[in-house]
Amino acid sequence: LISADNDKLTVKDVFNAAKDTDNIISRLDEENKFYDIQTT
């Protein structure tokens, strides 16, 4: 989530990278612009 890459990421890129993390439950509402998380 704090990659040192120079290229800007999108919120969806970050969501896709983090959604498979074991201790994080997340969902992305692109229409209403909400990033929801719930750790176990």
All heavy atoms as atom14 arrays in JSON, in Angstrom:
{
  "sequence": "LISADNDKLTVKDVFNAAKDTDNIISRLDEENKFYDIQTT",
  "atom14_mask": [
    [1, 1, 1, 1, 1, 1, 1, 1, 0, 0, 0, 0, 0, 0],
    [1, 1, 1, 1, 1, 1, 1, 1, 0, 0, 0, 0, 0, 0],
    [1, 1, 1, 1, 1, 1, 0, 0, 0, 0, 0, 0, 0, 0],
    [1, 1, 1, 1, 1, 0, 0, 0, 0, 0, 0, 0, 0, 0],
    [1, 1, 1, 1, 1, 1, 1, 1, 0, 0, 0, 0, 0, 0],
    [1, 1, 1, 1, 1, 1, 1, 1, 0, 0, 0, 0, 0, 0],
    [1, 1, 1, 1, 1, 1, 1, 1, 0, 0, 0, 0, 0, 0],
    [1, 1, 1, 1, 1, 1, 1, 1, 1, 0, 0, 0, 0, 0],
    [1, 1, 1, 1, 1, 1, 1, 1, 0, 0, 0, 0, 0, 0],
    [1, 1, 1, 1, 1, 1, 1, 0, 0, 0, 0, 0, 0, 0],
    [1, 1, 1, 1, 1, 1, 1, 0, 0, 0, 0, 0, 0, 0],
    [1, 1, 1, 1, 1, 1, 1, 1, 1, 0, 0, 0, 0, 0],
    [1, 1, 1, 1, 1, 1, 1, 1, 0, 0, 0, 0, 0, 0],
    [1, 1, 1, 1, 1, 1, 1, 0, 0, 0, 0, 0, 0, 0],
    [1, 1, 1, 1, 1, 1, 1, 1, 1, 1, 1, 0, 0, 0],
    [1, 1, 1, 1, 1, 1, 1, 1, 0, 0, 0, 0, 0, 0],
    [1, 1, 1, 1, 1, 0, 0, 0, 0, 0, 0, 0, 0, 0],
    [1, 1, 1, 1, 1, 0, 0, 0, 0, 0, 0, 0, 0, 0],
    [1, 1, 1, 1, 1, 1, 1, 1, 1, 0, 0, 0, 0, 0],
    [1, 1, 1, 1, 1, 1, 1, 1, 0, 0, 0, 0, 0, 0],
    [1, 1, 1, 1, 1, 1, 1, 0, 0, 0, 0, 0, 0, 0],
    [1, 1, 1, 1, 1, 1, 1, 1, 0, 0, 0, 0, 0, 0],
    [1, 1, 1, 1, 1, 1, 1, 1, 0, 0, 0, 0, 0, 0],
    [1, 1, 1, 1, 1, 1, 1, 1, 0, 0, 0, 0, 0, 0],
    [1, 1, 1, 1, 1, 1, 1, 1, 0, 0, 0, 0, 0, 0],
    [1, 1, 1, 1, 1, 1, 0, 0, 0, 0, 0, 0, 0, 0],
    [1, 1, 1, 1, 1, 1, 1, 1, 1, 1, 1, 0, 0, 0],
    [1, 1, 1, 1, 1, 1, 1, 1, 0, 0, 0, 0, 0, 0],
    [1, 1, 1, 1, 1, 1, 1, 1, 0, 0, 0, 0, 0, 0],
    [1, 1, 1, 1, 1, 1, 1, 1, 1, 0, 0, 0, 0, 0],
    [1, 1, 1, 1, 1, 1, 1, 1, 1, 0, 0, 0, 0, 0],
    [1, 1, 1, 1, 1, 1, 1, 1, 0, 0, 0, 0, 0, 0],
    [1, 1, 1, 1, 1, 1, 1, 1, 1, 0, 0, 0, 0, 0],
    [1, 1, 1, 1, 1, 1, 1, 1, 1, 1, 1, 0, 0, 0],
    [1, 1, 1, 1, 1, 1, 1, 1, 1, 1, 1, 1, 0, 0],
    [1, 1, 1, 1, 1, 1, 1, 1, 0, 0, 0, 0, 0, 0],
    [1, 1, 1, 1, 1, 1, 1, 1, 0, 0, 0, 0, 0, 0],
    [1, 1, 1, 1, 1, 1, 1, 1, 1, 0, 0, 0, 0, 0],
    [1, 1, 1, 1, 1, 1, 1, 0, 0, 0, 0, 0, 0, 0],
    [1, 1, 1, 1, 1, 1, 1, 0, 0, 0, 0, 0, 0, 0]
  ],
  "atom14_positions": [
    [[0.82, -1.2, 0.0], [0.0, 0.0, 0.0], [0.85, 1.25, 0.0], [0.36, 2.35, -0.19], [-0.92, 0.01, 1.23], [-1.95, -1.13, 1.3], [-2.79, -0.96, 2.55], [-2.82, -1.15, 0.06], [0.0, 0.0, 0.0], [0.0, 0.0, 0.0], [0.0, 0.0, 0.0], [0.0, 0.0, 0.0], [0.0, 0.0, 0.0], [0.0, 0.0, 0.0]],
    [[2.17, 1.12, 0.28], [3.05, 2.27, 0.3], [4.19, 2.01, -0.67], [5.35, 2.21, -0.38], [3.59, 2.53, 1.71], [2.49, 2.33, 2.74], [4.13, 3.94, 1.84], [2.95, 2.53, 4.15], [0.0, 0.0, 0.0], [0.0, 0.0, 0.0], [0.0, 0.0, 0.0], [0.0, 0.0, 0.0], [0.0, 0.0, 0.0], [0.0, 0.0, 0.0]],
    [[3.85, 1.51, -1.84], [4.86, 1.19, -2.84], [5.61, 2.44, -3.25], [5.05, 3.52, -3.32], [4.18, 0.56, -4.06], [5.1, 0.42, -5.1], [0.0, 0.0, 0.0], [0.0, 0.0, 0.0], [0.0, 0.0, 0.0], [0.0, 0.0, 0.0], [0.0, 0.0, 0.0], [0.0, 0.0, 0.0], [0.0, 0.0, 0.0], [0.0, 0.0, 0.0]],
    [[6.9, 2.28, -3.49], [7.73, 3.43, -3.87], [7.71, 3.69, -5.37], [8.5, 4.45, -5.89], [9.17, 3.21, -3.41], [0.0, 0.0, 0.0], [0.0, 0.0, 0.0], [0.0, 0.0, 0.0], [0.0, 0.0, 0.0], [0.0, 0.0, 0.0], [0.0, 0.0, 0.0], [0.0, 0.0, 0.0], [0.0, 0.0, 0.0], [0.0, 0.0, 0.0]],
    [[6.78, 3.04, -6.09], [6.7, 3.28, -7.53], [6.35, 4.72, -7.79], [5.56, 5.33, -7.09], [5.63, 2.37, -8.15], [6.03, 0.89, -8.04], [7.25, 0.63, -7.92], [5.14, 0.05, -8.08], [0.0, 0.0, 0.0], [0.0, 0.0, 0.0], [0.0, 0.0, 0.0], [0.0, 0.0, 0.0], [0.0, 0.0, 0.0], [0.0, 0.0, 0.0]],
    [[6.92, 5.3, -8.85], [6.66, 6.69, -9.17], [5.3, 6.88, -9.8], [4.71, 7.95, -9.72], [7.75, 7.23, -10.1], [9.08, 7.33, -9.4], [9.15, 7.62, -8.22], [10.15, 7.08, -10.14], [0.0, 0.0, 0.0], [0.0, 0.0, 0.0], [0.0, 0.0, 0.0], [0.0, 0.0, 0.0], [0.0, 0.0, 0.0], [0.0, 0.0, 0.0]],
    [[4.78, 5.86, -10.5], [3.5, 5.98, -11.19], [2.36, 6.0, -10.19], [2.32, 5.2, -9.24], [3.31, 4.81, -12.17], [4.36, 4.82, -13.27], [4.87, 5.92, -13.55], [4.65, 3.74, -13.81], [0.0, 0.0, 0.0], [0.0, 0.0, 0.0], [0.0, 0.0, 0.0], [0.0, 0.0, 0.0], [0.0, 0.0, 0.0], [0.0, 0.0, 0.0]],
    [[1.39, 6.89, -10.42], [0.22, 6.97, -9.57], [-0.67, 5.75, -9.78], [-0.9, 5.31, -10.9], [-0.57, 8.25, -9.88], [0.07, 9.52, -9.33], [-0.01, 9.57, -7.82], [0.51, 10.88, -7.3], [0.5, 10.96, -5.84], [0.0, 0.0, 0.0], [0.0, 0.0, 0.0], [0.0, 0.0, 0.0], [0.0, 0.0, 0.0], [0.0, 0.0, 0.0]],
    [[-1.17, 5.22, -8.67], [-2.11, 4.11, -8.72], [-3.52, 4.64, -8.64], [-3.76, 5.78, -8.26], [-1.85, 3.16, -7.55], [-0.45, 2.54, -7.45], [-0.33, 1.76, -6.16], [-0.16, 1.65, -8.63], [0.0, 0.0, 0.0], [0.0, 0.0, 0.0], [0.0, 0.0, 0.0], [0.0, 0.0, 0.0], [0.0, 0.0, 0.0], [0.0, 0.0, 0.0]],
    [[-4.48, 3.8, -9.01], [-5.88, 4.14, -8.79], [-6.34, 3.45, -7.51], [-5.69, 2.53, -7.01], [-6.75, 3.67, -9.96], [-6.72, 2.23, -10.02], [-6.23, 4.24, -11.28], [0.0, 0.0, 0.0], [0.0, 0.0, 0.0], [0.0, 0.0, 0.0], [0.0, 0.0, 0.0], [0.0, 0.0, 0.0], [0.0, 0.0, 0.0], [0.0, 0.0, 0.0]],
    [[-7.46, 3.93, -6.96], [-8.0, 3.3, -5.75], [-8.33, 1.84, -6.02], [-8.13, 0.97, -5.16], [-9.24, 4.07, -5.26], [-9.88, 3.37, -4.07], [-8.87, 5.51, -4.89], [0.0, 0.0, 0.0], [0.0, 0.0, 0.0], [0.0, 0.0, 0.0], [0.0, 0.0, 0.0], [0.0, 0.0, 0.0], [0.0, 0.0, 0.0], [0.0, 0.0, 0.0]],
    [[-8.79, 1.54, -7.21], [-9.12, 0.15, -7.54], [-7.87, -0.72, -7.59], [-7.9, -1.89, -7.2], [-9.85, 0.09, -8.89], [-10.42, -1.29, -9.18], [-11.35, -1.27, -10.38], [-11.98, -2.65, -10.59], [-12.93, -2.64, -11.73], [0.0, 0.0, 0.0], [0.0, 0.0, 0.0], [0.0, 0.0, 0.0], [0.0, 0.0, 0.0], [0.0, 0.0, 0.0]],
    [[-6.73, -0.14, -8.05], [-5.47, -0.9, -8.05], [-5.1, -1.3, -6.62], [-4.69, -2.43, -6.37], [-4.35, -0.04, -8.64], [-4.52, 0.19, -10.13], [-5.17, -0.64, -10.78], [-4.02, 1.22, -10.64], [0.0, 0.0, 0.0], [0.0, 0.0, 0.0], [0.0, 0.0, 0.0], [0.0, 0.0, 0.0], [0.0, 0.0, 0.0], [0.0, 0.0, 0.0]],
    [[-5.23, -0.36, -5.7], [-4.9, -0.65, -4.3], [-5.87, -1.68, -3.73], [-5.47, -2.59, -3.01], [-4.94, 0.65, -3.47], [-4.66, 0.35, -2.0], [-3.93, 1.65, -4.0], [0.0, 0.0, 0.0], [0.0, 0.0, 0.0], [0.0, 0.0, 0.0], [0.0, 0.0, 0.0], [0.0, 0.0, 0.0], [0.0, 0.0, 0.0], [0.0, 0.0, 0.0]],
    [[-7.15, -1.54, -4.07], [-8.16, -2.48, -3.58], [-7.86, -3.89, -4.07], [-7.91, -4.86, -3.29], [-9.54, -2.03, -4.05], [-10.63, -3.04, -3.79], [-11.14, -3.2, -2.5], [-11.14, -3.83, -4.81], [-12.14, -4.12, -2.26], [-12.13, -4.76, -4.57], [-12.64, -4.91, -3.29], [0.0, 0.0, 0.0], [0.0, 0.0, 0.0], [0.0, 0.0, 0.0]],
    [[-7.52, -4.02, -5.33], [-7.22, -5.35, -5.88], [-5.98, -5.95, -5.24], [-5.9, -7.17, -5.05], [-7.03, -5.25, -7.39], [-8.32, -4.94, -8.12], [-9.41, -5.28, -7.64], [-8.23, -4.29, -9.28], [0.0, 0.0, 0.0], [0.0, 0.0, 0.0], [0.0, 0.0, 0.0], [0.0, 0.0, 0.0], [0.0, 0.0, 0.0], [0.0, 0.0, 0.0]],
    [[-4.99, -5.11, -4.88], [-3.77, -5.62, -4.25], [-4.01, -6.04, -2.82], [-3.34, -6.94, -2.32], [-2.68, -4.54, -4.3], [0.0, 0.0, 0.0], [0.0, 0.0, 0.0], [0.0, 0.0, 0.0], [0.0, 0.0, 0.0], [0.0, 0.0, 0.0], [0.0, 0.0, 0.0], [0.0, 0.0, 0.0], [0.0, 0.0, 0.0], [0.0, 0.0, 0.0]],
    [[-4.98, -5.41, -2.15], [-5.18, -5.67, -0.72], [-6.33, -6.62, -0.42], [-6.42, -7.12, 0.7], [-5.43, -4.35, 0.02], [0.0, 0.0, 0.0], [0.0, 0.0, 0.0], [0.0, 0.0, 0.0], [0.0, 0.0, 0.0], [0.0, 0.0, 0.0], [0.0, 0.0, 0.0], [0.0, 0.0, 0.0], [0.0, 0.0, 0.0], [0.0, 0.0, 0.0]],
    [[-7.19, -6.9, -1.37], [-8.41, -7.65, -1.07], [-8.14, -9.11, -0.7], [-8.95, -9.74, -0.02], [-9.37, -7.6, -2.25], [-8.89, -8.32, -3.51], [-9.91, -8.2, -4.62], [-9.45, -8.93, -5.88], [-10.45, -8.82, -6.98], [0.0, 0.0, 0.0], [0.0, 0.0, 0.0], [0.0, 0.0, 0.0], [0.0, 0.0, 0.0], [0.0, 0.0, 0.0]],
    [[-6.99, -9.64, -1.14], [-6.66, -11.03, -0.83], [-5.89, -11.18, 0.47], [-5.5, -12.29, 0.84], [-5.85, -11.65, -1.97], [-6.64, -11.7, -3.27], [-7.88, -11.85, -3.19], [-6.03, -11.58, -4.35], [0.0, 0.0, 0.0], [0.0, 0.0, 0.0], [0.0, 0.0, 0.0], [0.0, 0.0, 0.0], [0.0, 0.0, 0.0], [0.0, 0.0, 0.0]],
    [[-5.65, -10.07, 1.18], [-4.96, -10.14, 2.46], [-5.83, -10.88, 3.47], [-7.03, -10.62, 3.58], [-4.64, -8.73, 2.98], [-3.91, -8.04, 1.96], [-3.8, -8.78, 4.25], [0.0, 0.0, 0.0], [0.0, 0.0, 0.0], [0.0, 0.0, 0.0], [0.0, 0.0, 0.0], [0.0, 0.0, 0.0], [0.0, 0.0, 0.0], [0.0, 0.0, 0.0]],
    [[-5.21, -11.8, 4.22], [-5.96, -12.69, 5.1], [-6.73, -11.95, 6.19], [-7.86, -12.32, 6.52], [-5.02, -13.72, 5.74], [-4.46, -14.67, 4.7], [-5.1, -14.82, 3.64], [-3.38, -15.25, 4.95], [0.0, 0.0, 0.0], [0.0, 0.0, 0.0], [0.0, 0.0, 0.0], [0.0, 0.0, 0.0], [0.0, 0.0, 0.0], [0.0, 0.0, 0.0]],
    [[-6.12, -10.93, 6.79], [-6.74, -10.31, 7.96], [-7.53, -9.05, 7.61], [-7.84, -8.27, 8.49], [-5.67, -9.95, 9.0], [-4.71, -8.9, 8.49], [-4.53, -8.77, 7.3], [-4.1, -8.16, 9.41], [0.0, 0.0, 0.0], [0.0, 0.0, 0.0], [0.0, 0.0, 0.0], [0.0, 0.0, 0.0], [0.0, 0.0, 0.0], [0.0, 0.0, 0.0]],
    [[-7.87, -8.85, 6.33], [-8.63, -7.68, 5.93], [-9.82, -8.1, 5.08], [-9.67, -8.87, 4.12], [-7.76, -6.68, 5.14], [-6.67, -6.11, 6.03], [-8.61, -5.54, 4.6], [-5.76, -5.13, 5.32], [0.0, 0.0, 0.0], [0.0, 0.0, 0.0], [0.0, 0.0, 0.0], [0.0, 0.0, 0.0], [0.0, 0.0, 0.0], [0.0, 0.0, 0.0]],
    [[-11.0, -7.62, 5.46], [-12.2, -7.77, 4.63], [-12.48, -6.39, 4.05], [-12.55, -5.4, 4.78], [-13.39, -8.25, 5.47], [-13.08, -9.6, 6.13], [-14.64, -8.37, 4.6], [-14.15, -10.06, 7.09], [0.0, 0.0, 0.0], [0.0, 0.0, 0.0], [0.0, 0.0, 0.0], [0.0, 0.0, 0.0], [0.0, 0.0, 0.0], [0.0, 0.0, 0.0]],
    [[-12.64, -6.28, 2.75], [-12.82, -4.98, 2.14], [-13.79, -5.06, 0.98], [-14.07, -6.13, 0.43], [-11.47, -4.43, 1.63], [-10.9, -5.31, 0.67], [0.0, 0.0, 0.0], [0.0, 0.0, 0.0], [0.0, 0.0, 0.0], [0.0, 0.0, 0.0], [0.0, 0.0, 0.0], [0.0, 0.0, 0.0], [0.0, 0.0, 0.0], [0.0, 0.0, 0.0]],
    [[-14.33, -3.9, 0.64], [-15.2, -3.77, -0.53], [-15.04, -2.37, -1.08], [-14.69, -1.43, -0.35], [-16.66, -4.07, -0.18], [-17.31, -3.02, 0.7], [-18.76, -3.35, 1.0], [-19.37, -2.32, 1.84], [-20.6, -2.41, 2.34], [-21.34, -3.48, 2.12], [-21.08, -1.43, 3.09], [0.0, 0.0, 0.0], [0.0, 0.0, 0.0], [0.0, 0.0, 0.0]],
    [[-15.32, -2.21, -2.38], [-15.13, -0.94, -3.05], [-16.42, -0.54, -3.74], [-16.97, -1.29, -4.55], [-13.99, -1.03, -4.07], [-13.59, 0.27, -4.76], [-12.98, 1.24, -3.76], [-12.6, -0.01, -5.89], [0.0, 0.0, 0.0], [0.0, 0.0, 0.0], [0.0, 0.0, 0.0], [0.0, 0.0, 0.0], [0.0, 0.0, 0.0], [0.0, 0.0, 0.0]],
    [[-16.93, 0.65, -3.4], [-18.12, 1.21, -4.04], [-17.66, 2.34, -4.96], [-17.5, 3.49, -4.54], [-19.09, 1.73, -2.97], [-20.4, 2.21, -3.57], [-20.47, 2.39, -4.8], [-21.36, 2.44, -2.79], [0.0, 0.0, 0.0], [0.0, 0.0, 0.0], [0.0, 0.0, 0.0], [0.0, 0.0, 0.0], [0.0, 0.0, 0.0], [0.0, 0.0, 0.0]],
    [[-17.42, 1.99, -6.23], [-16.89, 2.97, -7.17], [-17.92, 4.03, -7.54], [-17.55, 5.18, -7.85], [-16.4, 2.27, -8.43], [-15.22, 1.33, -8.21], [-14.71, 0.71, -9.49], [-13.94, 1.38, -10.19], [-15.1, -0.44, -9.78], [0.0, 0.0, 0.0], [0.0, 0.0, 0.0], [0.0, 0.0, 0.0], [0.0, 0.0, 0.0], [0.0, 0.0, 0.0]],
    [[-19.18, 3.69, -7.47], [-20.21, 4.66, -7.85], [-20.34, 5.77, -6.81], [-20.39, 6.95, -7.14], [-21.56, 3.94, -8.01], [-22.7, 4.88, -8.41], [-24.01, 4.15, -8.6], [-24.03, 2.9, -8.5], [-25.03, 4.82, -8.82], [0.0, 0.0, 0.0], [0.0, 0.0, 0.0], [0.0, 0.0, 0.0], [0.0, 0.0, 0.0], [0.0, 0.0, 0.0]],
    [[-20.37, 5.39, -5.53], [-20.52, 6.37, -4.45], [-19.2, 6.78, -3.82], [-19.17, 7.54, -2.85], [-21.45, 5.81, -3.37], [-22.85, 5.55, -3.89], [-23.47, 6.42, -4.48], [-23.35, 4.32, -3.69], [0.0, 0.0, 0.0], [0.0, 0.0, 0.0], [0.0, 0.0, 0.0], [0.0, 0.0, 0.0], [0.0, 0.0, 0.0], [0.0, 0.0, 0.0]],
    [[-18.09, 6.2, -4.32], [-16.75, 6.57, -3.88], [-16.51, 6.23, -2.4], [-16.12, 7.07, -1.6], [-16.48, 8.07, -4.11], [-16.66, 8.54, -5.54], [-15.69, 7.86, -6.48], [-15.84, 8.38, -7.9], [-14.92, 7.71, -8.86], [0.0, 0.0, 0.0], [0.0, 0.0, 0.0], [0.0, 0.0, 0.0], [0.0, 0.0, 0.0], [0.0, 0.0, 0.0]],
    [[-16.74, 4.96, -2.04], [-16.47, 4.48, -0.69], [-15.52, 3.3, -0.74], [-15.69, 2.39, -1.55], [-17.76, 4.05, 0.03], [-18.64, 5.19, 0.45], [-19.95, 5.29, -0.01], [-18.16, 6.17, 1.31], [-20.76, 6.34, 0.38], [-18.96, 7.23, 1.7], [-20.27, 7.31, 1.23], [0.0, 0.0, 0.0], [0.0, 0.0, 0.0], [0.0, 0.0, 0.0]],
    [[-14.5, 3.33, 0.13], [-13.6, 2.2, 0.32], [-13.84, 1.7, 1.75], [-13.49, 2.37, 2.71], [-12.15, 2.64, 0.14], [-11.15, 1.5, 0.06], [-10.27, 1.4, -1.01], [-11.07, 0.54, 1.06], [-9.34, 0.37, -1.09], [-10.15, -0.49, 0.98], [-9.29, -0.57, -0.1], [-8.38, -1.6, -0.17], [0.0, 0.0, 0.0], [0.0, 0.0, 0.0]],
    [[-14.46, 0.54, 1.86], [-14.85, 0.0, 3.16], [-13.89, -1.11, 3.58], [-13.54, -1.97, 2.76], [-16.27, -0.58, 3.1], [-17.31, 0.48, 2.75], [-17.03, 1.66, 3.05], [-18.36, 0.14, 2.2], [0.0, 0.0, 0.0], [0.0, 0.0, 0.0], [0.0, 0.0, 0.0], [0.0, 0.0, 0.0], [0.0, 0.0, 0.0], [0.0, 0.0, 0.0]],
    [[-13.48, -1.09, 4.84], [-12.6, -2.13, 5.37], [-13.13, -2.6, 6.72], [-13.8, -1.87, 7.44], [-11.15, -1.64, 5.54], [-11.07, -0.48, 6.53], [-10.53, -1.26, 4.21], [-9.65, -0.08, 6.86], [0.0, 0.0, 0.0], [0.0, 0.0, 0.0], [0.0, 0.0, 0.0], [0.0, 0.0, 0.0], [0.0, 0.0, 0.0], [0.0, 0.0, 0.0]],
    [[-12.84, -3.86, 7.01], [-13.19, -4.44, 8.3], [-12.18, -5.53, 8.6], [-12.18, -6.57, 7.96], [-14.61, -5.02, 8.26], [-15.01, -5.63, 9.59], [-16.52, -5.8, 9.69], [-17.25, -5.55, 8.76], [-16.98, -6.23, 10.84], [0.0, 0.0, 0.0], [0.0, 0.0, 0.0], [0.0, 0.0, 0.0], [0.0, 0.0, 0.0], [0.0, 0.0, 0.0]],
    [[-11.29, -5.26, 9.56], [-10.28, -6.25, 9.91], [-10.88, -7.31, 10.8], [-11.8, -7.05, 11.58], [-9.1, -5.58, 10.63], [-9.59, -4.85, 11.74], [-8.37, -4.63, 9.69], [0.0, 0.0, 0.0], [0.0, 0.0, 0.0], [0.0, 0.0, 0.0], [0.0, 0.0, 0.0], [0.0, 0.0, 0.0], [0.0, 0.0, 0.0], [0.0, 0.0, 0.0]],
    [[-10.34, -8.51, 10.7], [-10.92, -9.63, 11.45], [-10.74, -9.5, 12.95], [-11.51, -10.06, 13.71], [-10.26, -10.95, 10.99], [-8.84, -10.84, 11.13], [-10.59, -11.23, 9.55], [0.0, 0.0, 0.0], [0.0, 0.0, 0.0], [0.0, 0.0, 0.0], [0.0, 0.0, 0.0], [0.0, 0.0, 0.0], [0.0, 0.0, 0.0], [0.0, 0.0, 0.0]]
  ]
}
